[in-house]
Amino acid sequence: MANIIVGKAFVLGDNIDTDQIIPAEHLVYSTSNPSELKMYGKFSLSGVPIEKSGLPNGSCKFIEGEELTSGYSIVIGGKNFGCGSSREHAPLSLHVAGVKIIVAESYARIFYRNSVDGGFIIPIESIEKLNDKISTGDEIEIDLGKNNLTVMTTGKTYNLKPLGSVIEIVRSGGLFNYARKKKMI
């Protein structure tokens, strides 16, 4: 995993809960069967109401048509991202859909831990509210070494909070892989 992540942004509002990230009716697929696992990506963010999506009149969706992955690799959220139940499938579904990183003002603790512990996705916090400064479809560059995000569309750069050792855990593929790598287990 590189220190620089480049991709298109998908912007969401505040209080995106785990049932909006992956609705309960889609939890029927096996995570150990590769063809069924893809369905978690297909239905990722399918429960987000239009008023929280940051999309003008539903002009685009996170997953288009019959696709199994998204054209958006960066999610920009507001406060309390991943609130709700402790559903481990929520960060998994975003990972399967092709999301590499989520930038939010704050996270529900359990979502943050599930993202890191499973090695699914990098959850990084912004220093200021960004979901009203960035638009869905903007090209974004995130430099994890410098802890900043640049909106390539506008040239504006915003600071992010440092990840610390969290990045090593995600890069290792999760907490257990990290512990093995460090000879902790």
Foldseek 3Di string as FASTA:
>chain_A
DDLKDKAFEFEFEEDCALCQQPNPVLPPFDCVDVVSLLVLQVCGNVNGDPVGRLDDVCPDDQHPDPDSAGRTQEYEYEYAPHDDDLDLSRLSNSLSNRHAEYEYQYYDVSNCQSCQQQLRHHYWYFPDRCSVVDHGGFMWMARLVQQWIARPVVRDIGHTDHPPCSVVSSVLRHDVSSCVVVVVD
